[in-house]
Every structure is written in C-alpha cells, then in structure tokens.
C-alpha cells in the first residue's frame, strides 16, 4: 500500500474549507501625492482642496437662504392671520342610546287568542242541554247518536283534568288551557273531573254547572255527557272534541 494514503476501513475525514480572508473596510482616502509627482502633484492637491471647500461653502449658503425664506414665509403668515385663540369646545360625550324595549309579539298573540277563546260565567247552558238527568250536550249539526256512543264508551279517554280544590277562576282558566292543548295534540275524548260537591258549602256541586256552561262555549267541543260510574259518575263529564282543528263541525 502506498504511503500517505488512508486505510480503506478508515472513515473519510471532511476536507477543511478554504479560509477566505475577511475584507477590511477601507476609509475613503484623501487626495494622495505621488512621491514622483513633485510640485505638479502638490498643485493638483491644492486645487482639489479648494474645490471641495468651495462646494461646502455653496451648500451652506443655499441652506441659509432656504432657512431665511422659510422664516420669512412663517412671519408673513402670522402677520396676515393676526392674533388667534383656540376655540372653546366643550368635551364631547357620546349620547347614551337607550335600546327600544322588545316587543312581546308572541305574548300579544297568545293574549289575543285567550281573549278570543274566553268563556263567560254569564252564559246559561240550560237552553242547549238535554233535559235528562245527565245534562248531555250535542252541538247543532251533530247527530244525537254521538252522545249515545260517548255515553256507552265508544271513544277511549285520552286525557283528563281534575278541578278539585280550584276556585272558579282557576278552574275556568285550567279548562280552557286543557282543551287548547288537547286540540294541539289531536286528542278527541277527554274527561273533566269537577267533583260532586261533597266538600263544598251546602253539599252542592258548584263547578258541575260551571264546567258545562264553559264547555258549551268552546267551539272545539261537539258533545259531552256525564261520565259512567267507573269513569267518575256524577262527579265527571266526558268531552268529545271535533276531529281536526280546521274542520268546522263534522259528523263523527
């Protein structure tokens, strides 16, 4: 194996990068006099220095003229305007915006609907009720067979409302809301428990007649009758609603 050559199993060493000399900044040189130039070189240097001095003098003169002109213009502007005073302006305060109160549109609609569907205590249902002991009711245009089927249990009771312990105003509002929600749910047969009046003064069923008077005034009610014994008997009433909210008074 030749000398000064690396062994084949020895890892290769990276070659050192060539070092470049860092350039040294050179300051601008003044006019130099060549030694061999003699008097001629000295004259050229004197001329160069004189030209440089004249150029600096011209620059200073031009700057002084510009400053004098600017000062004169400012003095002329102040003389033309005269004495001035700053405007007295009160501090600006952004006006407080009071947002308009929200309009309870849905609440108004609900209240109008309640007023439209309001039921009165002054209505006398006796003129519309059948004269039997159950005081059944059938809306005009609906067959009496509907009441008979309702009494026999042809329709399954789908929801009920218990008015026990309620005052008259509370019972009226509860009944109106109960019928309204039942119509929304598409129910047909309801049971309203008004009680037999055993706990009232005089043992008279105060709500019994009121419930019937209220039911007669509801357009959604097409028939009602006293419940059967196992459904509450004389203390409850079965109510039949018209099928579908958009149908006026169809025969079932």
C-alpha atoms as a PDB file:
ATOM      1  CA  UNK A   1       0.000   0.000   0.000  1.00  0.00           C
ATOM      2  CA  UNK A   2       1.348   3.404  -0.914  1.00  0.00           C
ATOM      3  CA  UNK A   3       2.393   5.716   1.835  1.00  0.00           C
ATOM      4  CA  UNK A   4       0.366   8.756   2.882  1.00  0.00           C
ATOM      5  CA  UNK A   5      -2.882   7.132   1.690  1.00  0.00           C
ATOM      6  CA  UNK A   6      -5.729   6.328   4.154  1.00  0.00           C
ATOM      7  CA  UNK A   7      -6.619   2.776   5.037  1.00  0.00           C
ATOM      8  CA  UNK A   8      -9.741   1.510   3.225  1.00  0.00           C
ATOM      9  CA  UNK A   9     -11.530   0.844   6.591  1.00  0.00           C
ATOM     10  CA  UNK A  10     -10.745   4.276   7.999  1.00  0.00           C
ATOM     11  CA  UNK A  11     -13.646   6.802   7.837  1.00  0.00           C
ATOM     12  CA  UNK A  12     -13.166   9.637   5.477  1.00  0.00           C
ATOM     13  CA  UNK A  13     -12.278  12.949   7.033  1.00  0.00           C
ATOM     14  CA  UNK A  14     -14.022  16.060   5.748  1.00  0.00           C
ATOM     15  CA  UNK A  15     -11.820  18.402   3.906  1.00  0.00           C
ATOM     16  CA  UNK A  16     -11.232  21.718   5.553  1.00  0.00           C
ATOM     17  CA  UNK A  17     -12.954  24.537   3.732  1.00  0.00           C
ATOM     18  CA  UNK A  18     -10.715  27.122   2.266  1.00  0.00           C
ATOM     19  CA  UNK A  19     -10.480  30.093   4.571  1.00  0.00           C
ATOM     20  CA  UNK A  20     -11.300  33.300   2.793  1.00  0.00           C
ATOM     21  CA  UNK A  21      -9.668  36.443   4.138  1.00  0.00           C
ATOM     22  CA  UNK A  22     -12.201  38.899   5.644  1.00  0.00           C
ATOM     23  CA  UNK A  23     -12.176  42.105   3.671  1.00  0.00           C
ATOM     24  CA  UNK A  24     -11.177  45.118   5.731  1.00  0.00           C
ATOM     25  CA  UNK A  25     -13.254  48.236   5.100  1.00  0.00           C
ATOM     26  CA  UNK A  26     -11.176  50.970   3.632  1.00  0.00           C
ATOM     27  CA  UNK A  27     -11.936  54.542   4.544  1.00  0.00           C
ATOM     28  CA  UNK A  28     -12.209  56.956   1.642  1.00  0.00           C
ATOM     29  CA  UNK A  29      -8.789  58.318   1.021  1.00  0.00           C
ATOM     30  CA  UNK A  30      -7.923  61.917   0.604  1.00  0.00           C
ATOM     31  CA  UNK A  31      -6.077  63.009  -2.460  1.00  0.00           C
ATOM     32  CA  UNK A  32      -2.653  61.479  -2.263  1.00  0.00           C
ATOM     33  CA  UNK A  33       0.553  62.941  -3.636  1.00  0.00           C
ATOM     34  CA  UNK A  34       2.647  60.620  -5.576  1.00  0.00           C
ATOM     35  CA  UNK A  35       6.268  60.966  -4.453  1.00  0.00           C
ATOM     36  CA  UNK A  36       7.395  61.271  -8.020  1.00  0.00           C
ATOM     37  CA  UNK A  37       4.788  63.947  -8.858  1.00  0.00           C
ATOM     38  CA  UNK A  38       6.747  66.714  -7.188  1.00  0.00           C
ATOM     39  CA  UNK A  39       5.398  70.257  -7.440  1.00  0.00           C
ATOM     40  CA  UNK A  40       2.824  69.293 -10.032  1.00  0.00           C
ATOM     41  CA  UNK A  41       1.186  66.868  -7.615  1.00  0.00           C
ATOM     42  CA  UNK A  42       1.164  69.489  -4.890  1.00  0.00           C
ATOM     43  CA  UNK A  43      -0.660  71.916  -7.164  1.00  0.00           C
ATOM     44  CA  UNK A  44      -3.281  69.320  -8.040  1.00  0.00           C
ATOM     45  CA  UNK A  45      -3.873  68.629  -4.344  1.00  0.00           C
ATOM     46  CA  UNK A  46      -4.275  72.317  -3.603  1.00  0.00           C
ATOM     47  CA  UNK A  47      -6.800  72.666  -6.411  1.00  0.00           C
ATOM     48  CA  UNK A  48      -8.768  69.656  -5.168  1.00  0.00           C
ATOM     49  CA  UNK A  49      -8.919  71.006  -1.607  1.00  0.00           C
ATOM     50  CA  UNK A  50     -10.000  74.413  -2.846  1.00  0.00           C
ATOM     51  CA  UNK A  51     -12.796  72.910  -4.966  1.00  0.00           C
ATOM     52  CA  UNK A  52     -14.032  70.904  -2.004  1.00  0.00           C
ATOM     53  CA  UNK A  53     -14.081  73.961   0.244  1.00  0.00           C
ATOM     54  CA  UNK A  54     -15.975  75.980  -2.360  1.00  0.00           C
ATOM     55  CA  UNK A  55     -18.570  73.213  -2.711  1.00  0.00           C
ATOM     56  CA  UNK A  56     -19.161  73.086   1.052  1.00  0.00           C
ATOM     57  CA  UNK A  57     -19.498  76.846   1.151  1.00  0.00           C
ATOM     58  CA  UNK A  58     -22.103  76.821  -1.605  1.00  0.00           C
ATOM     59  CA  UNK A  59     -24.085  74.175   0.280  1.00  0.00           C
ATOM     60  CA  UNK A  60     -24.003  76.240   3.485  1.00  0.00           C
ATOM     61  CA  UNK A  61     -25.108  79.342   1.621  1.00  0.00           C
ATOM     62  CA  UNK A  62     -28.001  77.517  -0.048  1.00  0.00           C
ATOM     63  CA  UNK A  63     -29.154  76.079   3.312  1.00  0.00           C
ATOM     64  CA  UNK A  64     -29.024  79.527   4.921  1.00  0.00           C
ATOM     65  CA  UNK A  65     -31.074  81.042   2.078  1.00  0.00           C
ATOM     66  CA  UNK A  66     -33.712  78.285   2.393  1.00  0.00           C
ATOM     67  CA  UNK A  67     -33.947  78.819   6.147  1.00  0.00           C
ATOM     68  CA  UNK A  68     -34.346  82.589   5.723  1.00  0.00           C
ATOM     69  CA  UNK A  69     -37.094  82.085   3.133  1.00  0.00           C
ATOM     70  CA  UNK A  70     -38.965  79.646   5.367  1.00  0.00           C
ATOM     71  CA  UNK A  71     -38.707  82.032   8.315  1.00  0.00           C
ATOM     72  CA  UNK A  72     -39.921  84.913   6.160  1.00  0.00           C
ATOM     73  CA  UNK A  73     -42.891  82.890   4.932  1.00  0.00           C
ATOM     74  CA  UNK A  74     -43.814  81.972   8.511  1.00  0.00           C
ATOM     75  CA  UNK A  75     -43.601  85.604   9.624  1.00  0.00           C
ATOM     76  CA  UNK A  76     -45.757  86.687   6.703  1.00  0.00           C
ATOM     77  CA  UNK A  77     -48.380  84.021   7.538  1.00  0.00           C
ATOM     78  CA  UNK A  78     -48.553  85.087  11.185  1.00  0.00           C
ATOM     79  CA  UNK A  79     -48.875  88.768  10.226  1.00  0.00           C
ATOM     80  CA  UNK A  80     -51.667  88.050   7.775  1.00  0.00           C
ATOM     81  CA  UNK A  81     -53.651  85.931  10.244  1.00  0.00           C
ATOM     82  CA  UNK A  82     -53.174  88.155  13.253  1.00  0.00           C
ATOM     83  CA  UNK A  83     -53.745  87.092  16.821  1.00  0.00           C
ATOM     84  CA  UNK A  84     -55.567  83.788  17.181  1.00  0.00           C
ATOM     85  CA  UNK A  85     -57.107  81.940  20.100  1.00  0.00           C
ATOM     86  CA  UNK A  86     -58.119  78.314  20.313  1.00  0.00           C
ATOM     87  CA  UNK A  87     -61.818  77.546  20.045  1.00  0.00           C
ATOM     88  CA  UNK A  88     -63.572  76.791  23.282  1.00  0.00           C
ATOM     89  CA  UNK A  89     -65.295  73.480  22.625  1.00  0.00           C
ATOM     90  CA  UNK A  90     -66.991  71.564  25.401  1.00  0.00           C
ATOM     91  CA  UNK A  91     -65.845  67.987  25.766  1.00  0.00           C
ATOM     92  CA  UNK A  92     -67.838  65.614  23.634  1.00  0.00           C
ATOM     93  CA  UNK A  93     -69.773  62.901  25.393  1.00  0.00           C
ATOM     94  CA  UNK A  94     -71.261  60.186  23.242  1.00  0.00           C
ATOM     95  CA  UNK A  95     -75.044  60.177  23.716  1.00  0.00           C
ATOM     96  CA  UNK A  96     -76.306  57.185  25.586  1.00  0.00           C
ATOM     97  CA  UNK A  97     -78.555  55.154  23.298  1.00  0.00           C
ATOM     98  CA  UNK A  98     -81.498  53.611  25.032  1.00  0.00           C
ATOM     99  CA  UNK A  99     -82.385  50.427  23.173  1.00  0.00           C
ATOM    100  CA  UNK A 100     -86.062  50.098  22.443  1.00  0.00           C
ATOM    101  CA  UNK A 101     -87.895  47.715  24.667  1.00  0.00           C
ATOM    102  CA  UNK A 102     -88.548  44.374  22.985  1.00  0.00           C
ATOM    103  CA  UNK A 103     -91.992  43.848  21.535  1.00  0.00           C
ATOM    104  CA  UNK A 104     -93.557  40.692  23.000  1.00  0.00           C
ATOM    105  CA  UNK A 105     -95.222  39.726  19.749  1.00  0.00           C
ATOM    106  CA  UNK A 106     -95.888  36.125  20.688  1.00  0.00           C
ATOM    107  CA  UNK A 107     -97.246  37.143  24.090  1.00  0.00           C
ATOM    108  CA  UNK A 108     -99.689  39.530  22.434  1.00  0.00           C
ATOM    109  CA  UNK A 109    -100.804  36.829  20.048  1.00  0.00           C
ATOM    110  CA  UNK A 110    -101.338  34.421  22.925  1.00  0.00           C
ATOM    111  CA  UNK A 111    -103.307  37.009  24.881  1.00  0.00           C
ATOM    112  CA  UNK A 112    -105.471  37.781  21.862  1.00  0.00           C
ATOM    113  CA  UNK A 113    -106.098  34.085  21.398  1.00  0.00           C
ATOM    114  CA  UNK A 114    -107.073  33.754  25.050  1.00  0.00           C
ATOM    115  CA  UNK A 115    -109.444  36.708  24.763  1.00  0.00           C
ATOM    116  CA  UNK A 116    -110.931  35.231  21.608  1.00  0.00           C
ATOM    117  CA  UNK A 117    -111.417  31.909  23.318  1.00  0.00           C
ATOM    118  CA  UNK A 118    -112.577  33.430  26.597  1.00  0.00           C
ATOM    119  CA  UNK A 119    -115.547  31.739  28.210  1.00  0.00           C
ATOM    120  CA  UNK A 120    -118.107  33.561  30.279  1.00  0.00           C
ATOM    121  CA  UNK A 121    -119.762  32.709  33.572  1.00  0.00           C
ATOM    122  CA  UNK A 122    -122.904  34.550  32.486  1.00  0.00           C
ATOM    123  CA  UNK A 123    -123.793  32.042  29.771  1.00  0.00           C
ATOM    124  CA  UNK A 124    -126.778  29.841  30.579  1.00  0.00           C
ATOM    125  CA  UNK A 125    -126.266  26.385  29.059  1.00  0.00           C
ATOM    126  CA  UNK A 126    -129.685  25.099  30.055  1.00  0.00           C
ATOM    127  CA  UNK A 127    -131.133  26.176  26.714  1.00  0.00           C
ATOM    128  CA  UNK A 128    -128.690  23.883  24.894  1.00  0.00           C
ATOM    129  CA  UNK A 129    -128.521  20.917  27.241  1.00  0.00           C
ATOM    130  CA  UNK A 130    -130.697  17.880  27.005  1.00  0.00           C
ATOM    131  CA  UNK A 131    -133.330  17.660  29.743  1.00  0.00           C
ATOM    132  CA  UNK A 132    -132.254  14.258  31.019  1.00  0.00           C
ATOM    133  CA  UNK A 133    -130.521  13.884  34.352  1.00  0.00           C
ATOM    134  CA  UNK A 134    -127.085  13.708  32.771  1.00  0.00           C
ATOM    135  CA  UNK A 135    -127.444  17.132  31.123  1.00  0.00           C
ATOM    136  CA  UNK A 136    -125.738  15.940  27.942  1.00  0.00           C
ATOM    137  CA  UNK A 137    -124.896  18.298  25.096  1.00  0.00           C
ATOM    138  CA  UNK A 138    -124.608  17.914  21.350  1.00  0.00           C
ATOM    139  CA  UNK A 139    -123.599  20.783  19.091  1.00  0.00           C
ATOM    140  CA  UNK A 140    -126.149  21.691  16.396  1.00  0.00           C
ATOM    141  CA  UNK A 141    -125.459  19.758  13.234  1.00  0.00           C
ATOM    142  CA  UNK A 142    -124.060  16.744  15.099  1.00  0.00           C
ATOM    143  CA  UNK A 143    -126.164  13.618  15.434  1.00  0.00           C
ATOM    144  CA  UNK A 144    -127.597  12.652  18.805  1.00  0.00           C
ATOM    145  CA  UNK A 145    -126.084   9.251  18.204  1.00  0.00           C
ATOM    146  CA  UNK A 146    -122.743  10.838  19.055  1.00  0.00           C
ATOM    147  CA  UNK A 147    -123.862  11.452  22.648  1.00  0.00           C
ATOM    148  CA  UNK A 148    -125.176   7.924  22.977  1.00  0.00           C
ATOM    149  CA  UNK A 149    -121.890   6.481  21.719  1.00  0.00           C
ATOM    150  CA  UNK A 150    -119.961   8.790  24.030  1.00  0.00           C
ATOM    151  CA  UNK A 151    -122.041   7.644  26.995  1.00  0.00           C
ATOM    152  CA  UNK A 152    -121.506   3.983  26.069  1.00  0.00           C
ATOM    153  CA  UNK A 153    -117.735   4.470  25.881  1.00  0.00           C
ATOM    154  CA  UNK A 154    -117.250   4.300  22.109  1.00  0.00           C
ATOM    155  CA  UNK A 155    -114.274   6.679  22.449  1.00  0.00           C
ATOM    156  CA  UNK A 156    -111.310   5.968  24.725  1.00  0.00           C
ATOM    157  CA  UNK A 157    -110.499   8.688  27.232  1.00  0.00           C
ATOM    158  CA  UNK A 158    -107.125  10.088  26.158  1.00  0.00           C
ATOM    159  CA  UNK A 159    -106.570  12.767  28.825  1.00  0.00           C
ATOM    160  CA  UNK A 160    -108.234  14.086  31.927  1.00  0.00           C
ATOM    161  CA  UNK A 161    -108.325  17.250  34.028  1.00  0.00           C
ATOM    162  CA  UNK A 162    -109.037  17.270  37.759  1.00  0.00           C
ATOM    163  CA  UNK A 163    -110.529  20.547  39.012  1.00  0.00           C
ATOM    164  CA  UNK A 164    -110.772  19.501  42.657  1.00  0.00           C
ATOM    165  CA  UNK A 165    -109.735  22.240  45.064  1.00  0.00           C
ATOM    166  CA  UNK A 166    -109.666  25.000  42.416  1.00  0.00           C
ATOM    167  CA  UNK A 167    -111.515  28.260  42.668  1.00  0.00           C
ATOM    168  CA  UNK A 168    -113.877  29.223  39.895  1.00  0.00           C
ATOM    169  CA  UNK A 169    -111.401  31.487  38.058  1.00  0.00           C
ATOM    170  CA  UNK A 170    -108.620  28.925  38.340  1.00  0.00           C
ATOM    171  CA  UNK A 171    -110.902  26.145  37.112  1.00  0.00           C
ATOM    172  CA  UNK A 172    -112.071  28.178  34.123  1.00  0.00           C
ATOM    173  CA  UNK A 173    -108.531  29.020  33.019  1.00  0.00           C
ATOM    174  CA  UNK A 174    -107.377  25.447  33.580  1.00  0.00           C
ATOM    175  CA  UNK A 175    -110.240  24.069  31.485  1.00  0.00           C
ATOM    176  CA  UNK A 176    -109.592  26.486  28.612  1.00  0.00           C
ATOM    177  CA  UNK A 177    -105.881  25.622  28.614  1.00  0.00           C
ATOM    178  CA  UNK A 178    -106.644  21.887  28.831  1.00  0.00           C
ATOM    179  CA  UNK A 179    -108.899  21.989  25.775  1.00  0.00           C
ATOM    180  CA  UNK A 180    -106.458  24.158  23.820  1.00  0.00           C
ATOM    181  CA  UNK A 181    -103.539  21.795  24.454  1.00  0.00           C
ATOM    182  CA  UNK A 182    -105.686  18.743  23.691  1.00  0.00           C
ATOM    183  CA  UNK A 183    -106.641  20.211  20.311  1.00  0.00           C
ATOM    184  CA  UNK A 184    -102.956  20.852  19.538  1.00  0.00           C
ATOM    185  CA  UNK A 185    -102.174  17.214  20.371  1.00  0.00           C
ATOM    186  CA  UNK A 186    -105.022  15.957  18.204  1.00  0.00           C
ATOM    187  CA  UNK A 187    -106.936  14.325  21.085  1.00  0.00           C
ATOM    188  CA  UNK A 188    -110.640  13.508  20.748  1.00  0.00           C
ATOM    189  CA  UNK A 189    -112.057  12.237  24.055  1.00  0.00           C
ATOM    190  CA  UNK A 190    -111.380  13.941  27.395  1.00  0.00           C
ATOM    191  CA  UNK A 191    -112.558  13.560  30.972  1.00  0.00           C
ATOM    192  CA  UNK A 192    -113.052  16.579  33.208  1.00  0.00           C
ATOM    193  CA  UNK A 193    -113.464  15.837  36.910  1.00  0.00           C
ATOM    194  CA  UNK A 194    -115.412  18.630  38.596  1.00  0.00           C
ATOM    195  CA  UNK A 195    -116.425  16.737  41.732  1.00  0.00           C
ATOM    196  CA  UNK A 196    -119.778  16.046  43.342  1.00  0.00           C
ATOM    197  CA  UNK A 197    -119.642  18.994  45.719  1.00  0.00           C
ATOM    198  CA  UNK A 198    -119.418  16.894  48.865  1.00  0.00           C
ATOM    199  CA  UNK A 199    -116.763  19.203  50.297  1.00  0.00           C
ATOM    200  CA  UNK A 200    -118.458  22.481  49.377  1.00  0.00           C
ATOM    201  CA  UNK A 201    -120.884  24.586  51.370  1.00  0.00           C
ATOM    202  CA  UNK A 202    -124.386  23.131  51.165  1.00  0.00           C
ATOM    203  CA  UNK A 203    -123.009  19.915  49.605  1.00  0.00           C
ATOM    204  CA  UNK A 204    -123.805  21.299  46.144  1.00  0.00           C
ATOM    205  CA  UNK A 205    -121.546  20.717  43.119  1.00  0.00           C
ATOM    206  CA  UNK A 206    -120.579  24.298  42.375  1.00  0.00           C
ATOM    207  CA  UNK A 207    -118.276  23.504  39.444  1.00  0.00           C
ATOM    208  CA  UNK A 208    -120.593  20.991  37.809  1.00  0.00           C
ATOM    209  CA  UNK A 209    -122.866  23.582  36.215  1.00  0.00           C
ATOM    210  CA  UNK A 210    -119.964  25.959  35.529  1.00  0.00           C
ATOM    211  CA  UNK A 211    -117.990  23.306  33.663  1.00  0.00           C
ATOM    212  CA  UNK A 212    -120.939  22.544  31.419  1.00  0.00           C
ATOM    213  CA  UNK A 213    -121.539  26.240  30.764  1.00  0.00           C
ATOM    214  CA  UNK A 214    -117.888  26.702  29.827  1.00  0.00           C
ATOM    215  CA  UNK A 215    -117.809  23.636  27.585  1.00  0.00           C
ATOM    216  CA  UNK A 216    -120.840  24.791  25.597  1.00  0.00           C
ATOM    217  CA  UNK A 217    -118.977  27.994  24.689  1.00  0.00           C
ATOM    218  CA  UNK A 218    -115.935  26.173  23.281  1.00  0.00           C
ATOM    219  CA  UNK A 219    -116.141  25.713  19.513  1.00  0.00           C
ATOM    220  CA  UNK A 220    -113.860  22.695  19.707  1.00  0.00           C
ATOM    221  CA  UNK A 221    -116.397  20.794  21.852  1.00  0.00           C
ATOM    222  CA  UNK A 222    -119.034  18.989  19.787  1.00  0.00           C
ATOM    223  CA  UNK A 223    -120.563  16.872  22.587  1.00  0.00           C
ATOM    224  CA  UNK A 224    -120.305  15.962  26.254  1.00  0.00           C
ATOM    225  CA  UNK A 225    -122.206  13.915  28.791  1.00  0.00           C
ATOM    226  CA  UNK A 226    -121.964  12.712  32.358  1.00  0.00           C
ATOM    227  CA  UNK A 227    -119.287  10.063  32.833  1.00  0.00           C
ATOM    228  CA  UNK A 228    -120.179   6.457  33.532  1.00  0.00           C
ATOM    229  CA  UNK A 229    -119.979   5.179  37.085  1.00  0.00           C
ATOM    230  CA  UNK A 230    -116.496   3.698  36.713  1.00  0.00           C
ATOM    231  CA  UNK A 231    -115.289   6.938  34.996  1.00  0.00           C
ATOM    232  CA  UNK A 232    -116.416   9.240  37.794  1.00  0.00           C
ATOM    233  CA  UNK A 233    -120.196   9.205  37.511  1.00  0.00           C
ATOM    234  CA  UNK A 234    -121.895  12.438  38.529  1.00  0.00           C
ATOM    235  CA  UNK A 235    -118.534  13.953  39.509  1.00  0.00           C
ATOM    236  CA  UNK A 236    -117.095  13.969  35.994  1.00  0.00           C
ATOM    237  CA  UNK A 237    -118.032  14.738  32.416  1.00  0.00           C
ATOM    238  CA  UNK A 238    -116.840  13.122  29.169  1.00  0.00           C
ATOM    239  CA  UNK A 239    -115.984  15.614  26.433  1.00  0.00           C
ATOM    240  CA  UNK A 240    -115.705  14.918  22.705  1.00  0.00           C
ATOM    241  CA  UNK A 241    -113.673  17.291  20.530  1.00  0.00           C
ATOM    242  CA  UNK A 242    -114.119  17.801  16.828  1.00  0.00           C
ATOM    243  CA  UNK A 243    -111.709  15.786  14.665  1.00  0.00           C
ATOM    244  CA  UNK A 244    -109.074  18.183  13.365  1.00  0.00           C
ATOM    245  CA  UNK A 245    -108.573  21.874  14.131  1.00  0.00           C
ATOM    246  CA  UNK A 246    -109.542  23.016  10.606  1.00  0.00           C
ATOM    247  CA  UNK A 247    -112.802  21.134  10.383  1.00  0.00           C
ATOM    248  CA  UNK A 248    -115.811  23.199  11.453  1.00  0.00           C
ATOM    249  CA  UNK A 249    -118.474  20.827  12.784  1.00  0.00           C
ATOM    250  CA  UNK A 250    -118.204  17.458  11.052  1.00  0.00           C
ATOM    251  CA  UNK A 251    -120.270  14.476  11.962  1.00  0.00           C
ATOM    252  CA  UNK A 252    -118.087  11.763  13.507  1.00  0.00           C
END
